[in-house]
Amino acid sequence: RCQLDPYWSFHQLLEHVQDITTNSMKYSYFPLQLILNQHPHISKHAFLDTSMEFKSYQNNNTMMIGDSQLVPISFAFNDNEDEILNTSDFSLSIYQDMNMNQLSCTINASLDLFNRETVERISQRFHSMLNQLLTSVDDQMNKSIYEVSLTLPSERLVMQSMNNIQISFSSPLTCIHHEFVYQVMRHPQKLAVELDEQSLTYCELLYYVQVLSFSLLNEYLITPGEVVCQCVERSLSMVIGMMGIEMAGGVYCPLSPRDPQHRLDALTHQTGSRLVLVHYLTKIKFDHDIVSLDIDSIVSDNERGSKGDIDGLSNVSVASKSMAYIIFTSGSTGAPKAVSY
């Protein structure tokens, strides 16, 4: 096993692997069965799942690596692709052809464990890494290994298209919910949100968002800039709650329903939020000392919608520079940290 320093260059990584390989030669005679006997409680040994072989042929001369002597053996390639893919659970074999002065790679994988697409993707990533390292030797070889990308060019295009979320608003002073209302006016009957068999048009979505906003302003007295947490599963209610908080002038703070209750309580208290929006699947996630509001019960109450004051929403003071939402880091390296936008 190699413990890597992400700031090593590729040359430093090669030297490190060479040192480990050289030092491990002295144990190469150790019987495999004795190694397995040291792990009697493990049914499948993780270190045997993957093997990597380097075979250099054409040269029949004995090779010295440190104090160890390597004697080449003859072997033959198997041209039957299906047979190759079924010969082992998973092995990566690298063959260097001394005559052709090129690096060729064959990946053997069991079709019982891997589908062909997975094996092809592994080979594409390996080829992409080599291409990055060898295209421009002077520049790439001195780069830190953490800068070598595992992402394929096709995957980078997908990520760029998914993250291209820059939208030109009609005015630099326009807020998110203002632009949303503008879209409702342009396309009231177009589909705004869809999940499985459920869907809402822009007009329907605006209605439910306004009903929720009325409740936040009139019943819970939410003020501009106040943090309102939301803990719901993926649903139409999630979108209604998000836009309802923004329209009421609040700061949206999403909480994951998969987090344990003590973490949800801690994050809620950290934001200073006095209200958490929930739905029928997340009602029981919070203690009684935390006020929760069921989004589904609000939007399904027809009387609430008829009593709404649209002018009241127009008078909510929200500027384009106001905080829109707060998200928390995972906390895997310590306490979760809040990031606001």
C-alpha atoms as a PDB file:
ATOM      1  CA  ARG A   1       0.000   0.000   0.000  1.00  0.00           C
ATOM      2  CA  CYS A   2       1.118   3.546  -0.704  1.00  0.00           C
ATOM      3  CA  GLN A   3       0.416   6.526   1.481  1.00  0.00           C
ATOM      4  CA  LEU A   4       0.500   9.389  -0.972  1.00  0.00           C
ATOM      5  CA  ASP A   5       1.324  13.017  -0.477  1.00  0.00           C
ATOM      6  CA  PRO A   6      -0.992  14.951  -2.816  1.00  0.00           C
ATOM      7  CA  TYR A   7       1.725  17.553  -3.365  1.00  0.00           C
ATOM      8  CA  TRP A   8       4.236  15.060  -4.765  1.00  0.00           C
ATOM      9  CA  SER A   9       5.147  15.359  -8.394  1.00  0.00           C
ATOM     10  CA  PHE A  10       4.724  12.337 -10.635  1.00  0.00           C
ATOM     11  CA  HIS A  11       8.488  11.715 -10.479  1.00  0.00           C
ATOM     12  CA  GLN A  12       8.355  11.680  -6.674  1.00  0.00           C
ATOM     13  CA  LEU A  13       5.454   9.238  -6.785  1.00  0.00           C
ATOM     14  CA  LEU A  14       7.397   6.909  -9.078  1.00  0.00           C
ATOM     15  CA  GLU A  15      10.416   7.010  -6.770  1.00  0.00           C
ATOM     16  CA  HIS A  16       8.214   6.257  -3.774  1.00  0.00           C
ATOM     17  CA  VAL A  17       6.560   3.272  -5.482  1.00  0.00           C
ATOM     18  CA  GLN A  18       9.960   2.033  -6.639  1.00  0.00           C
ATOM     19  CA  ASP A  19      11.285   2.155  -3.064  1.00  0.00           C
ATOM     20  CA  ILE A  20       8.284   0.237  -1.746  1.00  0.00           C
ATOM     21  CA  THR A  21       8.555  -2.367  -4.510  1.00  0.00           C
ATOM     22  CA  THR A  22      12.279  -2.816  -3.942  1.00  0.00           C
ATOM     23  CA  ASN A  23      11.885  -3.175  -0.180  1.00  0.00           C
ATOM     24  CA  SER A  24       9.030  -5.641  -0.560  1.00  0.00           C
ATOM     25  CA  MET A  25      11.091  -8.006  -2.733  1.00  0.00           C
ATOM     26  CA  LYS A  26      12.611  -9.592   0.359  1.00  0.00           C
ATOM     27  CA  TYR A  27       9.138 -10.881   1.333  1.00  0.00           C
ATOM     28  CA  SER A  28       8.224 -12.258  -2.084  1.00  0.00           C
ATOM     29  CA  TYR A  29       8.972 -15.833  -0.982  1.00  0.00           C
ATOM     30  CA  PHE A  30       6.376 -15.659   1.807  1.00  0.00           C
ATOM     31  CA  PRO A  31       3.627 -18.270   1.069  1.00  0.00           C
ATOM     32  CA  LEU A  32       0.237 -16.821   0.232  1.00  0.00           C
ATOM     33  CA  GLN A  33      -1.578 -19.327   2.447  1.00  0.00           C
ATOM     34  CA  LEU A  34       0.280 -18.073   5.505  1.00  0.00           C
ATOM     35  CA  ILE A  35      -0.882 -14.554   4.689  1.00  0.00           C
ATOM     36  CA  LEU A  36      -4.479 -15.748   4.409  1.00  0.00           C
ATOM     37  CA  ASN A  37      -4.215 -17.612   7.703  1.00  0.00           C
ATOM     38  CA  GLN A  38      -3.513 -14.323   9.450  1.00  0.00           C
ATOM     39  CA  HIS A  39      -7.035 -13.180   8.545  1.00  0.00           C
ATOM     40  CA  PRO A  40      -9.282 -16.141   9.437  1.00  0.00           C
ATOM     41  CA  HIS A  41     -12.289 -13.946  10.266  1.00  0.00           C
ATOM     42  CA  ILE A  42     -12.419 -12.295   6.828  1.00  0.00           C
ATOM     43  CA  SER A  43     -14.296 -14.232   4.170  1.00  0.00           C
ATOM     44  CA  LYS A  44     -12.959 -12.170   1.289  1.00  0.00           C
ATOM     45  CA  HIS A  45      -9.601 -10.458   1.555  1.00  0.00           C
ATOM     46  CA  ALA A  46      -9.746  -6.926   0.248  1.00  0.00           C
ATOM     47  CA  PHE A  47      -6.085  -6.826  -0.726  1.00  0.00           C
ATOM     48  CA  LEU A  48      -6.648  -9.699  -3.173  1.00  0.00           C
ATOM     49  CA  ASP A  49      -9.479  -7.984  -5.058  1.00  0.00           C
ATOM     50  CA  THR A  50      -7.109  -5.947  -7.175  1.00  0.00           C
ATOM     51  CA  SER A  51      -3.770  -6.908  -8.614  1.00  0.00           C
ATOM     52  CA  MET A  52      -1.426  -4.941 -10.788  1.00  0.00           C
ATOM     53  CA  GLU A  53       1.257  -6.676 -12.790  1.00  0.00           C
ATOM     54  CA  PHE A  54       4.125  -5.137 -14.687  1.00  0.00           C
ATOM     55  CA  LYS A  55       5.688  -7.432 -17.259  1.00  0.00           C
ATOM     56  CA  SER A  56       8.573  -6.380 -19.424  1.00  0.00           C
ATOM     57  CA  TYR A  57       9.434  -8.860 -22.180  1.00  0.00           C
ATOM     58  CA  GLN A  58      11.641  -9.274 -25.271  1.00  0.00           C
ATOM     59  CA  ASN A  59      14.700  -8.940 -23.093  1.00  0.00           C
ATOM     60  CA  ASN A  60      15.969 -12.274 -21.774  1.00  0.00           C
ATOM     61  CA  ASN A  61      18.610 -10.744 -19.562  1.00  0.00           C
ATOM     62  CA  THR A  62      18.433 -10.931 -15.797  1.00  0.00           C
ATOM     63  CA  MET A  63      17.432  -7.633 -14.160  1.00  0.00           C
ATOM     64  CA  MET A  64      18.614  -6.325 -10.778  1.00  0.00           C
ATOM     65  CA  ILE A  65      16.382  -4.152  -8.607  1.00  0.00           C
ATOM     66  CA  GLY A  66      18.269  -3.216  -5.493  1.00  0.00           C
ATOM     67  CA  ASP A  67      19.564  -6.441  -3.993  1.00  0.00           C
ATOM     68  CA  SER A  68      16.917  -8.529  -5.757  1.00  0.00           C
ATOM     69  CA  GLN A  69      17.428 -10.440  -8.984  1.00  0.00           C
ATOM     70  CA  LEU A  70      14.561 -10.765 -11.468  1.00  0.00           C
ATOM     71  CA  VAL A  71      14.618 -13.508 -14.076  1.00  0.00           C
ATOM     72  CA  PRO A  72      12.209 -13.026 -17.022  1.00  0.00           C
ATOM     73  CA  ILE A  73       9.716 -15.774 -17.791  1.00  0.00           C
ATOM     74  CA  SER A  74       7.959 -16.451 -21.044  1.00  0.00           C
ATOM     75  CA  PHE A  75       4.237 -15.913 -21.372  1.00  0.00           C
ATOM     76  CA  ALA A  76       1.692 -15.637 -24.146  1.00  0.00           C
ATOM     77  CA  PHE A  77      -1.104 -13.211 -24.766  1.00  0.00           C
ATOM     78  CA  ASN A  78      -4.642 -14.517 -24.994  1.00  0.00           C
ATOM     79  CA  ASP A  79      -6.513 -12.903 -27.856  1.00  0.00           C
ATOM     80  CA  ASN A  80      -9.927 -14.199 -26.788  1.00  0.00           C
ATOM     81  CA  GLU A  81     -11.506 -11.107 -25.227  1.00  0.00           C
ATOM     82  CA  ASP A  82     -14.389 -12.899 -23.498  1.00  0.00           C
ATOM     83  CA  GLU A  83     -12.014 -15.448 -22.025  1.00  0.00           C
ATOM     84  CA  ILE A  84      -9.700 -12.689 -20.794  1.00  0.00           C
ATOM     85  CA  LEU A  85     -12.560 -10.894 -19.041  1.00  0.00           C
ATOM     86  CA  ASN A  86     -13.499 -14.060 -17.191  1.00  0.00           C
ATOM     87  CA  THR A  87     -10.059 -15.205 -16.073  1.00  0.00           C
ATOM     88  CA  SER A  88      -9.990 -13.312 -12.764  1.00  0.00           C
ATOM     89  CA  ASP A  89     -12.141 -11.305 -10.409  1.00  0.00           C
ATOM     90  CA  PHE A  90     -10.249  -8.149 -11.242  1.00  0.00           C
ATOM     91  CA  SER A  91      -6.689  -7.619 -12.355  1.00  0.00           C
ATOM     92  CA  LEU A  92      -4.873  -4.853 -14.102  1.00  0.00           C
ATOM     93  CA  SER A  93      -1.900  -6.070 -16.109  1.00  0.00           C
ATOM     94  CA  ILE A  94       0.534  -3.661 -17.719  1.00  0.00           C
ATOM     95  CA  TYR A  95       2.837  -4.955 -20.426  1.00  0.00           C
ATOM     96  CA  GLN A  96       5.744  -2.961 -21.796  1.00  0.00           C
ATOM     97  CA  ASP A  97       6.859  -3.880 -25.277  1.00  0.00           C
ATOM     98  CA  MET A  98      10.597  -3.167 -25.426  1.00  0.00           C
ATOM     99  CA  ASN A  99      10.620  -3.576 -29.209  1.00  0.00           C
ATOM    100  CA  MET A 100       7.875  -1.060 -29.882  1.00  0.00           C
ATOM    101  CA  ASN A 101       8.959   1.326 -27.129  1.00  0.00           C
ATOM    102  CA  GLN A 102       5.365   1.827 -26.087  1.00  0.00           C
ATOM    103  CA  LEU A 103       3.151   1.113 -23.105  1.00  0.00           C
ATOM    104  CA  SER A 104       0.255  -1.252 -23.704  1.00  0.00           C
ATOM    105  CA  CYS A 105      -2.339  -2.082 -21.123  1.00  0.00           C
ATOM    106  CA  THR A 106      -4.775  -4.960 -20.804  1.00  0.00           C
ATOM    107  CA  ILE A 107      -7.474  -4.985 -18.143  1.00  0.00           C
ATOM    108  CA  ASN A 108      -8.857  -8.361 -17.105  1.00  0.00           C
ATOM    109  CA  ALA A 109     -12.121  -8.375 -15.171  1.00  0.00           C
ATOM    110  CA  SER A 110     -14.749 -10.946 -14.303  1.00  0.00           C
ATOM    111  CA  LEU A 111     -18.065 -10.299 -16.011  1.00  0.00           C
ATOM    112  CA  ASP A 112     -19.737 -11.779 -12.950  1.00  0.00           C
ATOM    113  CA  LEU A 113     -18.568  -8.765 -10.920  1.00  0.00           C
ATOM    114  CA  PHE A 114     -18.178  -5.982 -13.471  1.00  0.00           C
ATOM    115  CA  ASN A 115     -20.118  -4.979 -16.521  1.00  0.00           C
ATOM    116  CA  ARG A 116     -18.195  -4.155 -19.658  1.00  0.00           C
ATOM    117  CA  GLU A 117     -18.995  -0.428 -19.421  1.00  0.00           C
ATOM    118  CA  THR A 118     -17.330  -0.195 -16.002  1.00  0.00           C
ATOM    119  CA  VAL A 119     -14.135  -1.815 -17.278  1.00  0.00           C
ATOM    120  CA  GLU A 120     -14.094   0.463 -20.314  1.00  0.00           C
ATOM    121  CA  ARG A 121     -14.531   3.508 -18.076  1.00  0.00           C
ATOM    122  CA  ILE A 122     -11.579   2.409 -15.931  1.00  0.00           C
ATOM    123  CA  SER A 123      -9.410   2.073 -19.031  1.00  0.00           C
ATOM    124  CA  GLN A 124     -10.517   5.501 -20.270  1.00  0.00           C
ATOM    125  CA  ARG A 125      -9.573   7.121 -16.967  1.00  0.00           C
ATOM    126  CA  PHE A 126      -6.191   5.396 -16.968  1.00  0.00           C
ATOM    127  CA  HIS A 127      -5.546   6.507 -20.545  1.00  0.00           C
ATOM    128  CA  SER A 128      -6.633  10.066 -19.698  1.00  0.00           C
ATOM    129  CA  MET A 129      -4.231  10.216 -16.750  1.00  0.00           C
ATOM    130  CA  LEU A 130      -1.325   8.966 -18.845  1.00  0.00           C
ATOM    131  CA  ASN A 131      -2.193  11.420 -21.583  1.00  0.00           C
ATOM    132  CA  GLN A 132      -2.128  14.311 -19.102  1.00  0.00           C
ATOM    133  CA  LEU A 133       1.233  13.227 -17.734  1.00  0.00           C
ATOM    134  CA  LEU A 134       2.963  12.480 -21.022  1.00  0.00           C
ATOM    135  CA  THR A 135       1.568  15.111 -23.393  1.00  0.00           C
ATOM    136  CA  SER A 136       3.816  17.883 -22.101  1.00  0.00           C
ATOM    137  CA  VAL A 137       6.577  16.268 -20.076  1.00  0.00           C
ATOM    138  CA  ASP A 138       8.263  19.386 -18.728  1.00  0.00           C
ATOM    139  CA  ASP A 139       5.075  20.966 -17.412  1.00  0.00           C
ATOM    140  CA  GLN A 140       3.004  17.944 -16.398  1.00  0.00           C
ATOM    141  CA  MET A 141       5.687  15.858 -14.716  1.00  0.00           C
ATOM    142  CA  ASN A 142       6.399  18.640 -12.221  1.00  0.00           C
ATOM    143  CA  LYS A 143       2.756  19.180 -11.326  1.00  0.00           C
ATOM    144  CA  SER A 144       1.397  17.854  -8.059  1.00  0.00           C
ATOM    145  CA  ILE A 145      -0.433  14.565  -8.475  1.00  0.00           C
ATOM    146  CA  TYR A 146      -3.629  16.036  -7.028  1.00  0.00           C
ATOM    147  CA  GLU A 147      -3.818  18.209 -10.152  1.00  0.00           C
ATOM    148  CA  VAL A 148      -4.125  15.145 -12.387  1.00  0.00           C
ATOM    149  CA  SER A 149      -7.802  14.912 -13.208  1.00  0.00           C
ATOM    150  CA  LEU A 150      -9.740  11.644 -13.098  1.00  0.00           C
ATOM    151  CA  THR A 151     -12.621  13.304 -14.900  1.00  0.00           C
ATOM    152  CA  LEU A 152     -13.064  12.379 -18.533  1.00  0.00           C
ATOM    153  CA  PRO A 153     -13.536  15.115 -21.159  1.00  0.00           C
ATOM    154  CA  SER A 154     -17.131  13.991 -21.760  1.00  0.00           C
ATOM    155  CA  GLU A 155     -17.849  14.189 -18.029  1.00  0.00           C
ATOM    156  CA  ARG A 156     -16.347  17.683 -17.822  1.00  0.00           C
ATOM    157  CA  LEU A 157     -18.713  18.838 -20.561  1.00  0.00           C
ATOM    158  CA  VAL A 158     -21.682  17.449 -18.631  1.00  0.00           C
ATOM    159  CA  MET A 159     -20.576  19.156 -15.417  1.00  0.00           C
ATOM    160  CA  GLN A 160     -20.027  22.453 -17.206  1.00  0.00           C
ATOM    161  CA  SER A 161     -23.488  22.318 -18.758  1.00  0.00           C
ATOM    162  CA  MET A 162     -25.120  21.419 -15.413  1.00  0.00           C
ATOM    163  CA  ASN A 163     -23.242  24.143 -13.539  1.00  0.00           C
ATOM    164  CA  ASN A 164     -23.921  26.814 -16.125  1.00  0.00           C
ATOM    165  CA  ILE A 165     -26.535  28.498 -13.942  1.00  0.00           C
ATOM    166  CA  GLN A 166     -25.708  32.131 -14.734  1.00  0.00           C
ATOM    167  CA  ILE A 167     -28.905  33.848 -15.803  1.00  0.00           C
ATOM    168  CA  SER A 168     -29.244  37.430 -16.937  1.00  0.00           C
ATOM    169  CA  PHE A 169     -31.953  39.116 -14.879  1.00  0.00           C
ATOM    170  CA  SER A 170     -33.982  41.958 -16.304  1.00  0.00           C
ATOM    171  CA  SER A 171     -32.403  44.313 -13.767  1.00  0.00           C
ATOM    172  CA  PRO A 172     -29.377  44.101 -11.432  1.00  0.00           C
ATOM    173  CA  LEU A 173     -31.761  44.977  -8.593  1.00  0.00           C
ATOM    174  CA  THR A 174     -34.051  42.007  -9.312  1.00  0.00           C
ATOM    175  CA  CYS A 175     -34.403  39.324  -6.621  1.00  0.00           C
ATOM    176  CA  ILE A 176     -34.995  35.611  -7.208  1.00  0.00           C
ATOM    177  CA  HIS A 177     -38.690  35.692  -6.354  1.00  0.00           C
ATOM    178  CA  HIS A 178     -39.222  38.789  -8.530  1.00  0.00           C
ATOM    179  CA  GLU A 179     -37.826  36.929 -11.523  1.00  0.00           C
ATOM    180  CA  PHE A 180     -40.000  33.951 -10.639  1.00  0.00           C
ATOM    181  CA  VAL A 181     -43.147  36.096 -10.723  1.00  0.00           C
ATOM    182  CA  TYR A 182     -41.991  37.531 -14.046  1.00  0.00           C
ATOM    183  CA  GLN A 183     -41.790  33.987 -15.476  1.00  0.00           C
ATOM    184  CA  VAL A 184     -45.294  33.266 -14.157  1.00  0.00           C
ATOM    185  CA  MET A 185     -46.621  36.295 -15.999  1.00  0.00           C
ATOM    186  CA  ARG A 186     -44.928  35.183 -19.220  1.00  0.00           C
ATOM    187  CA  HIS A 187     -45.801  31.464 -19.060  1.00  0.00           C
ATOM    188  CA  PRO A 188     -48.630  30.903 -16.546  1.00  0.00           C
ATOM    189  CA  GLN A 189     -49.685  27.531 -17.967  1.00  0.00           C
ATOM    190  CA  LYS A 190     -46.249  26.111 -18.705  1.00  0.00           C
ATOM    191  CA  LEU A 191     -44.892  23.289 -16.568  1.00  0.00           C
ATOM    192  CA  ALA A 192     -42.773  24.724 -13.752  1.00  0.00           C
ATOM    193  CA  VAL A 193     -41.869  21.680 -11.650  1.00  0.00           C
ATOM    194  CA  GLU A 194     -42.352  17.945 -12.116  1.00  0.00           C
ATOM    195  CA  LEU A 195     -41.619  14.933  -9.916  1.00  0.00           C
ATOM    196  CA  ASP A 196     -42.705  11.432 -10.875  1.00  0.00           C
ATOM    197  CA  GLU A 197     -46.446  11.697 -11.572  1.00  0.00           C
ATOM    198  CA  GLN A 198     -46.824  15.091  -9.880  1.00  0.00           C
ATOM    199  CA  SER A 199     -46.473  18.456 -11.562  1.00  0.00           C
ATOM    200  CA  LEU A 200     -47.345  22.127 -11.146  1.00  0.00           C
ATOM    201  CA  THR A 201     -47.670  24.909 -13.690  1.00  0.00           C
ATOM    202  CA  TYR A 202     -46.092  28.279 -13.007  1.00  0.00           C
ATOM    203  CA  CYS A 203     -49.485  29.693 -12.043  1.00  0.00           C
ATOM    204  CA  GLU A 204     -50.224  26.835  -9.619  1.00  0.00           C
ATOM    205  CA  LEU A 205     -46.785  27.043  -8.080  1.00  0.00           C
ATOM    206  CA  LEU A 206     -47.116  30.795  -7.534  1.00  0.00           C
ATOM    207  CA  TYR A 207     -50.473  30.281  -5.809  1.00  0.00           C
ATOM    208  CA  TYR A 208     -49.059  27.782  -3.300  1.00  0.00           C
ATOM    209  CA  VAL A 209     -45.938  29.893  -2.748  1.00  0.00           C
ATOM    210  CA  GLN A 210     -48.075  32.953  -1.988  1.00  0.00           C
ATOM    211  CA  VAL A 211     -50.278  30.994   0.437  1.00  0.00           C
ATOM    212  CA  LEU A 212     -47.212  29.833   2.340  1.00  0.00           C
ATOM    213  CA  SER A 213     -45.686  33.315   2.305  1.00  0.00           C
ATOM    214  CA  PHE A 214     -48.888  34.786   3.757  1.00  0.00           C
ATOM    215  CA  SER A 215     -48.689  32.318   6.645  1.00  0.00           C
ATOM    216  CA  LEU A 216     -45.026  33.080   7.313  1.00  0.00           C
ATOM    217  CA  LEU A 217     -45.689  36.823   7.396  1.00  0.00           C
ATOM    218  CA  ASN A 218     -49.058  36.995   9.136  1.00  0.00           C
ATOM    219  CA  GLU A 219     -49.021  34.042  11.535  1.00  0.00           C
ATOM    220  CA  TYR A 220     -45.332  33.579  12.292  1.00  0.00           C
ATOM    221  CA  LEU A 221     -44.302  37.224  11.773  1.00  0.00           C
ATOM    222  CA  ILE A 222     -41.220  36.398   9.712  1.00  0.00           C
ATOM    223  CA  THR A 223     -39.155  39.538   9.143  1.00  0.00           C
ATOM    224  CA  PRO A 224     -36.772  40.313   6.229  1.00  0.00           C
ATOM    225  CA  GLY A 225     -33.398  38.647   6.766  1.00  0.00           C
ATOM    226  CA  GLU A 226     -34.688  36.115   9.300  1.00  0.00           C
ATOM    227  CA  VAL A 227     -33.442  32.544   8.833  1.00  0.00           C
ATOM    228  CA  VAL A 228     -36.110  29.911   8.196  1.00  0.00           C
ATOM    229  CA  CYS A 229     -34.992  26.282   8.064  1.00  0.00           C
ATOM    230  CA  GLN A 230     -36.612  23.631   5.888  1.00  0.00           C
ATOM    231  CA  CYS A 231     -36.338  19.869   6.313  1.00  0.00           C
ATOM    232  CA  VAL A 232     -38.286  17.971   3.654  1.00  0.00           C
ATOM    233  CA  GLU A 233     -37.703  15.058   1.340  1.00  0.00           C
ATOM    234  CA  ARG A 234     -37.425  15.644  -2.380  1.00  0.00           C
ATOM    235  CA  SER A 235     -40.922  16.736  -3.341  1.00  0.00           C
ATOM    236  CA  LEU A 236     -43.003  19.555  -4.753  1.00  0.00           C
ATOM    237  CA  SER A 237     -43.257  20.852  -1.199  1.00  0.00           C
ATOM    238  CA  MET A 238     -39.496  21.436  -1.226  1.00  0.00           C
ATOM    239  CA  VAL A 239     -39.810  23.928  -4.105  1.00  0.00           C
ATOM    240  CA  ILE A 240     -42.889  25.579  -2.578  1.00  0.00           C
ATOM    241  CA  GLY A 241     -41.114  25.997   0.755  1.00  0.00           C
ATOM    242  CA  MET A 242     -37.947  27.361  -0.812  1.00  0.00           C
ATOM    243  CA  MET A 243     -39.745  30.002  -2.884  1.00  0.00           C
ATOM    244  CA  GLY A 244     -42.180  30.778  -0.043  1.00  0.00           C
ATOM    245  CA  ILE A 245     -39.326  31.652   2.307  1.00  0.00           C
ATOM    246  CA  GLU A 246     -37.690  33.865  -0.327  1.00  0.00           C
ATOM    247  CA  MET A 247     -40.948  35.647  -1.156  1.00  0.00           C
ATOM    248  CA  ALA A 248     -41.567  36.357   2.529  1.00  0.00           C
ATOM    249  CA  GLY A 249     -38.119  37.954   2.770  1.00  0.00           C
ATOM    250  CA  GLY A 250     -36.603  35.159   4.840  1.00  0.00           C
ATOM    251  CA  VAL A 251     -33.254  33.411   4.444  1.00  0.00           C
ATOM    252  CA  TYR A 252     -33.618  29.830   3.215  1.00  0.00           C
ATOM    253  CA  CYS A 253     -31.622  27.185   5.121  1.00  0.00           C
ATOM    254  CA  PRO A 254     -32.000  23.553   3.932  1.00  0.00           C
ATOM    255  CA  LEU A 255     -31.580  20.680   6.394  1.00  0.00           C
ATOM    256  CA  SER A 256     -31.131  17.068   5.335  1.00  0.00           C
ATOM    257  CA  PRO A 257     -33.837  14.639   6.536  1.00  0.00           C
ATOM    258  CA  ARG A 258     -31.134  11.943   6.626  1.00  0.00           C
ATOM    259  CA  ASP A 259     -29.235  13.688   9.418  1.00  0.00           C
ATOM    260  CA  PRO A 260     -29.761  12.384  12.981  1.00  0.00           C
ATOM    261  CA  GLN A 261     -32.079  14.362  15.218  1.00  0.00           C
ATOM    262  CA  HIS A 262     -29.317  15.772  17.435  1.00  0.00           C
ATOM    263  CA  ARG A 263     -27.548  17.237  14.394  1.00  0.00           C
ATOM    264  CA  LEU A 264     -30.763  18.793  13.068  1.00  0.00           C
ATOM    265  CA  ASP A 265     -31.452  20.351  16.467  1.00  0.00           C
ATOM    266  CA  ALA A 266     -27.883  21.675  16.690  1.00  0.00           C
ATOM    267  CA  LEU A 267     -27.989  23.247  13.225  1.00  0.00           C
ATOM    268  CA  THR A 268     -31.372  24.812  13.882  1.00  0.00           C
ATOM    269  CA  HIS A 269     -30.129  26.422  17.084  1.00  0.00           C
ATOM    270  CA  GLN A 270     -26.914  27.528  15.364  1.00  0.00           C
ATOM    271  CA  THR A 271     -28.846  29.492  12.737  1.00  0.00           C
ATOM    272  CA  GLY A 272     -31.095  31.054  15.373  1.00  0.00           C
ATOM    273  CA  SER A 273     -34.126  29.926  13.390  1.00  0.00           C
ATOM    274  CA  ARG A 274     -37.373  29.858  15.366  1.00  0.00           C
ATOM    275  CA  LEU A 275     -39.275  28.013  12.648  1.00  0.00           C
ATOM    276  CA  VAL A 276     -38.662  24.878  10.581  1.00  0.00           C
ATOM    277  CA  LEU A 277     -40.740  23.963   7.539  1.00  0.00           C
ATOM    278  CA  VAL A 278     -41.506  20.237   7.347  1.00  0.00           C
ATOM    279  CA  HIS A 279     -43.904  17.903   5.576  1.00  0.00           C
ATOM    280  CA  TYR A 280     -45.592  14.628   6.464  1.00  0.00           C
ATOM    281  CA  LEU A 281     -42.397  12.563   6.221  1.00  0.00           C
ATOM    282  CA  THR A 282     -40.295  14.802   8.476  1.00  0.00           C
ATOM    283  CA  LYS A 283     -42.748  15.924  11.157  1.00  0.00           C
ATOM    284  CA  ILE A 284     -41.195  13.734  13.842  1.00  0.00           C
ATOM    285  CA  LYS A 285     -37.617  14.851  13.180  1.00  0.00           C
ATOM    286  CA  PHE A 286     -37.630  17.726  15.684  1.00  0.00           C
ATOM    287  CA  ASP A 287     -38.206  18.183  19.405  1.00  0.00           C
ATOM    288  CA  HIS A 288     -41.311  19.910  20.695  1.00  0.00           C
ATOM    289  CA  ASP A 289     -39.309  22.992  21.691  1.00  0.00           C
ATOM    290  CA  ILE A 290     -38.676  23.719  17.982  1.00  0.00           C
ATOM    291  CA  VAL A 291     -41.656  25.229  16.157  1.00  0.00           C
ATOM    292  CA  SER A 292     -42.400  23.367  12.937  1.00  0.00           C
ATOM    293  CA  LEU A 293     -44.812  24.225  10.145  1.00  0.00           C
ATOM    294  CA  ASP A 294     -46.250  21.536   7.872  1.00  0.00           C
ATOM    295  CA  ILE A 295     -46.087  22.879   4.311  1.00  0.00           C
ATOM    296  CA  ASP A 296     -48.677  20.402   3.028  1.00  0.00           C
ATOM    297  CA  SER A 297     -51.281  21.471   5.586  1.00  0.00           C
ATOM    298  CA  ILE A 298     -50.798  25.132   4.676  1.00  0.00           C
ATOM    299  CA  VAL A 299     -51.085  24.803   0.897  1.00  0.00           C
ATOM    300  CA  SER A 300     -54.066  22.452   1.124  1.00  0.00           C
ATOM    301  CA  ASP A 301     -56.096  24.930   3.232  1.00  0.00           C
ATOM    302  CA  ASN A 302     -58.303  26.747   0.734  1.00  0.00           C
ATOM    303  CA  GLU A 303     -59.405  29.327   3.292  1.00  0.00           C
ATOM    304  CA  ARG A 304     -55.849  30.536   3.753  1.00  0.00           C
ATOM    305  CA  GLY A 305     -55.533  31.250   0.042  1.00  0.00           C
ATOM    306  CA  SER A 306     -58.735  33.291  -0.091  1.00  0.00           C
ATOM    307  CA  LYS A 307     -57.630  35.477   2.823  1.00  0.00           C
ATOM    308  CA  GLY A 308     -54.238  36.353   1.378  1.00  0.00           C
ATOM    309  CA  ASP A 309     -53.190  39.946   0.858  1.00  0.00           C
ATOM    310  CA  ILE A 310     -51.094  40.234  -2.290  1.00  0.00           C
ATOM    311  CA  ASP A 311     -50.262  43.845  -1.482  1.00  0.00           C
ATOM    312  CA  GLY A 312     -48.653  42.634   1.733  1.00  0.00           C
ATOM    313  CA  LEU A 313     -46.179  40.568  -0.268  1.00  0.00           C
ATOM    314  CA  SER A 314     -45.390  43.537  -2.484  1.00  0.00           C
ATOM    315  CA  ASN A 315     -44.443  45.563   0.575  1.00  0.00           C
ATOM    316  CA  VAL A 316     -41.835  43.058   1.798  1.00  0.00           C
ATOM    317  CA  SER A 317     -38.508  44.885   1.873  1.00  0.00           C
ATOM    318  CA  VAL A 318     -35.900  42.686   0.187  1.00  0.00           C
ATOM    319  CA  ALA A 319     -32.884  44.023  -1.701  1.00  0.00           C
ATOM    320  CA  SER A 320     -30.788  42.247  -4.330  1.00  0.00           C
ATOM    321  CA  LYS A 321     -27.824  42.277  -1.932  1.00  0.00           C
ATOM    322  CA  SER A 322     -29.802  40.636   0.872  1.00  0.00           C
ATOM    323  CA  MET A 323     -28.782  37.182   2.036  1.00  0.00           C
ATOM    324  CA  ALA A 324     -30.678  34.517   0.087  1.00  0.00           C
ATOM    325  CA  TYR A 325     -29.736  31.232   1.756  1.00  0.00           C
ATOM    326  CA  ILE A 326     -27.416  29.447   4.183  1.00  0.00           C
ATOM    327  CA  ILE A 327     -25.944  25.996   3.695  1.00  0.00           C
ATOM    328  CA  PHE A 328     -23.825  23.916   6.063  1.00  0.00           C
ATOM    329  CA  THR A 329     -20.712  21.879   5.318  1.00  0.00           C
ATOM    330  CA  SER A 330     -20.824  18.159   6.066  1.00  0.00           C
ATOM    331  CA  GLY A 331     -18.809  18.502   9.264  1.00  0.00           C
ATOM    332  CA  SER A 332     -16.658  15.501   8.358  1.00  0.00           C
ATOM    333  CA  THR A 333     -13.512  17.373   9.483  1.00  0.00           C
ATOM    334  CA  GLY A 334     -15.056  18.975  12.561  1.00  0.00           C
ATOM    335  CA  ALA A 335     -18.089  21.067  13.410  1.00  0.00           C
ATOM    336  CA  PRO A 336     -20.372  21.941  10.452  1.00  0.00           C
ATOM    337  CA  LYS A 337     -19.668  25.421   9.110  1.00  0.00           C
ATOM    338  CA  ALA A 338     -22.304  27.755   7.706  1.00  0.00           C
ATOM    339  CA  VAL A 339     -21.838  29.401   4.309  1.00  0.00           C
ATOM    340  CA  SER A 340     -24.187  32.211   3.297  1.00  0.00           C
ATOM    341  CA  TYR A 341     -25.020  33.707  -0.094  1.00  0.00           C
END
